Amino acid sequence: MSQENVEVVRGVYRAWDDGDLDALLATCDPDVELLTSGSFPDLAAVYRGHAGMRTFWDSMRAPWESFRLDPERIVEGEACAVVAVHFRARGKGSGVTADLQHRGGWSSWMARNFRAPHR
C-alpha cells in the first residue's frame, strides 16, 4: 500500500472523528464494501456502496453521544493495511464510557475500497 493510501486511511479516521460523512464518502470507491467484525451488536455483516456506508455511519454513531476512532499504528501490505485503533465513546443518555485499545481494535483496509479524494 502506498504512502498516499496510508494517508487516505488516516483521512477516513479524521472524517469520522470530525463527524464529516461527506469527507469520508469522498475517500470511498462507489463500490466500497465494508465488512464488520461482529464486535458491535445490531450491525449488518456487510455494507456496500455509498448508501451502505451512510447506513453504517448512522447505525454506528446512533448510540453514542461522542465517538472517536484513533489510528495508533498502521501496518502496510502491498494492497492493504491493518490499523490498530483506539476506540473511545460515551453513550447517549447513559453517559457510560468505552475506551478500547488494540486487542479488539484492529481494522483491515483494502486499497481497492478507498481512494484519495479528487482535488
Protein backbone atom coordinates (compact mmCIF):
# COMPACT_ATOMS: atom_id res chain seq x y z
CA MET A 1 0.00 0.00 0.00
CA SER A 2 1.45 3.35 -0.99
CA GLN A 3 2.06 6.22 1.42
CA GLU A 4 -0.76 8.05 -0.37
CA ASN A 5 -3.14 5.19 0.52
CA VAL A 6 -1.98 5.24 4.14
CA GLU A 7 -2.86 8.94 4.20
CA VAL A 8 -6.29 8.09 2.77
CA VAL A 9 -6.81 5.63 5.64
CA ARG A 10 -5.82 8.35 8.12
CA GLY A 11 -8.25 10.70 6.35
CA VAL A 12 -11.10 8.25 6.84
CA TYR A 13 -10.47 8.28 10.60
CA ARG A 14 -10.18 12.10 10.62
CA ALA A 15 -13.50 12.39 8.78
CA TRP A 16 -15.09 10.01 11.29
CA ASP A 17 -13.79 11.99 14.26
CA ASP A 18 -14.86 15.29 12.67
CA GLY A 19 -18.37 13.95 12.03
CA ASP A 20 -17.88 14.64 8.31
CA LEU A 21 -19.70 11.94 6.34
CA ASP A 22 -19.17 13.76 3.04
CA ALA A 23 -15.38 13.76 3.56
CA LEU A 24 -15.47 10.06 4.41
CA LEU A 25 -17.52 9.25 1.30
CA ALA A 26 -15.10 11.29 -0.82
CA THR A 27 -12.43 8.71 0.05
CA CYS A 28 -14.65 5.70 -0.69
CA ASP A 29 -14.85 3.97 -4.03
CA PRO A 30 -18.51 3.95 -5.16
CA ASP A 31 -18.39 0.13 -4.86
CA VAL A 32 -16.80 0.14 -1.38
CA GLU A 33 -17.52 -2.94 0.71
CA LEU A 34 -17.28 -2.75 4.50
CA LEU A 35 -17.31 -5.99 6.47
CA THR A 36 -17.95 -5.64 10.19
CA SER A 37 -16.15 -7.76 12.74
CA GLY A 38 -19.16 -8.71 14.82
CA SER A 39 -17.81 -6.59 17.69
CA PHE A 40 -20.88 -4.38 17.80
CA PRO A 41 -24.44 -5.66 18.11
CA ASP A 42 -27.13 -4.63 15.66
CA LEU A 43 -24.77 -4.06 12.73
CA ALA A 44 -25.11 -5.81 9.41
CA ALA A 45 -22.31 -8.16 8.35
CA VAL A 46 -21.67 -6.21 5.12
CA TYR A 47 -22.29 -2.64 3.96
CA ARG A 48 -21.95 -1.90 0.22
CA GLY A 49 -21.54 1.30 -1.73
CA HIS A 50 -22.01 4.85 -0.53
CA ALA A 51 -25.58 4.10 0.59
CA GLY A 52 -24.25 1.25 2.72
CA MET A 53 -21.59 3.50 4.22
CA ARG A 54 -24.30 6.04 5.14
CA THR A 55 -26.29 3.29 6.84
CA PHE A 56 -23.19 2.08 8.69
CA TRP A 57 -22.37 5.67 9.73
CA ASP A 58 -25.87 6.21 11.13
CA SER A 59 -26.04 2.80 12.83
CA MET A 60 -22.59 3.03 14.39
CA ARG A 61 -22.97 6.58 15.65
CA ALA A 62 -26.59 6.36 16.88
CA PRO A 63 -25.98 5.02 20.42
CA TRP A 64 -23.10 7.39 21.19
CA GLU A 65 -23.04 10.98 22.42
CA SER A 66 -19.36 11.19 21.44
CA PHE A 67 -17.30 8.74 19.43
CA ARG A 68 -13.62 8.70 18.39
CA LEU A 69 -11.56 6.22 16.43
CA ASP A 70 -7.86 6.98 16.68
CA PRO A 71 -5.47 5.02 14.44
CA GLU A 72 -2.47 4.28 16.66
CA ARG A 73 -0.49 2.04 14.34
CA ILE A 74 -0.76 1.27 10.62
CA VAL A 75 0.93 -1.84 9.24
CA GLU A 76 1.15 -1.70 5.47
CA GLY A 77 0.84 -4.54 2.99
CA GLU A 78 1.13 -4.41 -0.77
CA ALA A 79 -2.52 -3.55 -1.39
CA CYS A 80 -3.87 -3.37 2.14
CA ALA A 81 -3.23 -2.05 5.63
CA VAL A 82 -4.07 -3.21 9.13
CA VAL A 83 -4.77 -0.48 11.66
CA ALA A 84 -4.58 -0.64 15.46
CA VAL A 85 -7.50 1.51 16.55
CA HIS A 86 -8.20 3.18 19.87
CA PHE A 87 -11.98 3.38 20.29
CA ARG A 88 -13.39 5.99 22.69
CA ALA A 89 -17.07 6.73 23.14
CA ARG A 90 -19.69 7.97 25.58
CA GLY A 91 -23.21 6.51 25.49
CA LYS A 92 -26.20 8.72 24.75
CA GLY A 93 -28.37 9.10 27.80
CA SER A 94 -26.35 6.71 29.96
CA GLY A 95 -23.05 8.57 29.85
CA VAL A 96 -21.27 5.20 30.02
CA THR A 97 -17.78 5.42 28.55
CA ALA A 98 -15.98 2.92 26.36
CA ASP A 99 -12.21 3.00 25.97
CA LEU A 100 -10.82 0.08 23.97
CA GLN A 101 -7.32 -0.30 22.59
CA HIS A 102 -5.63 -2.72 20.20
CA ARG A 103 -6.90 -6.14 21.25
CA GLY A 104 -10.38 -5.65 19.84
CA GLY A 105 -9.49 -2.68 17.74
CA TRP A 106 -7.69 -3.84 14.63
CA SER A 107 -9.21 -2.87 11.29
CA SER A 108 -8.08 -4.05 7.88
CA TRP A 109 -8.28 -1.89 4.76
CA MET A 110 -8.08 -2.87 1.10
CA ALA A 111 -6.75 -0.19 -1.25
CA ARG A 112 -9.43 -1.01 -3.85
CA ASN A 113 -12.15 0.28 -1.49
CA PHE A 114 -10.67 3.72 -0.86
CA ARG A 115 -9.01 6.44 -2.89
CA ALA A 116 -7.62 9.92 -2.48
CA PRO A 117 -10.40 12.48 -2.91
CA HIS A 118 -10.34 14.46 -6.15
CA ARG A 119 -8.84 17.91 -5.67
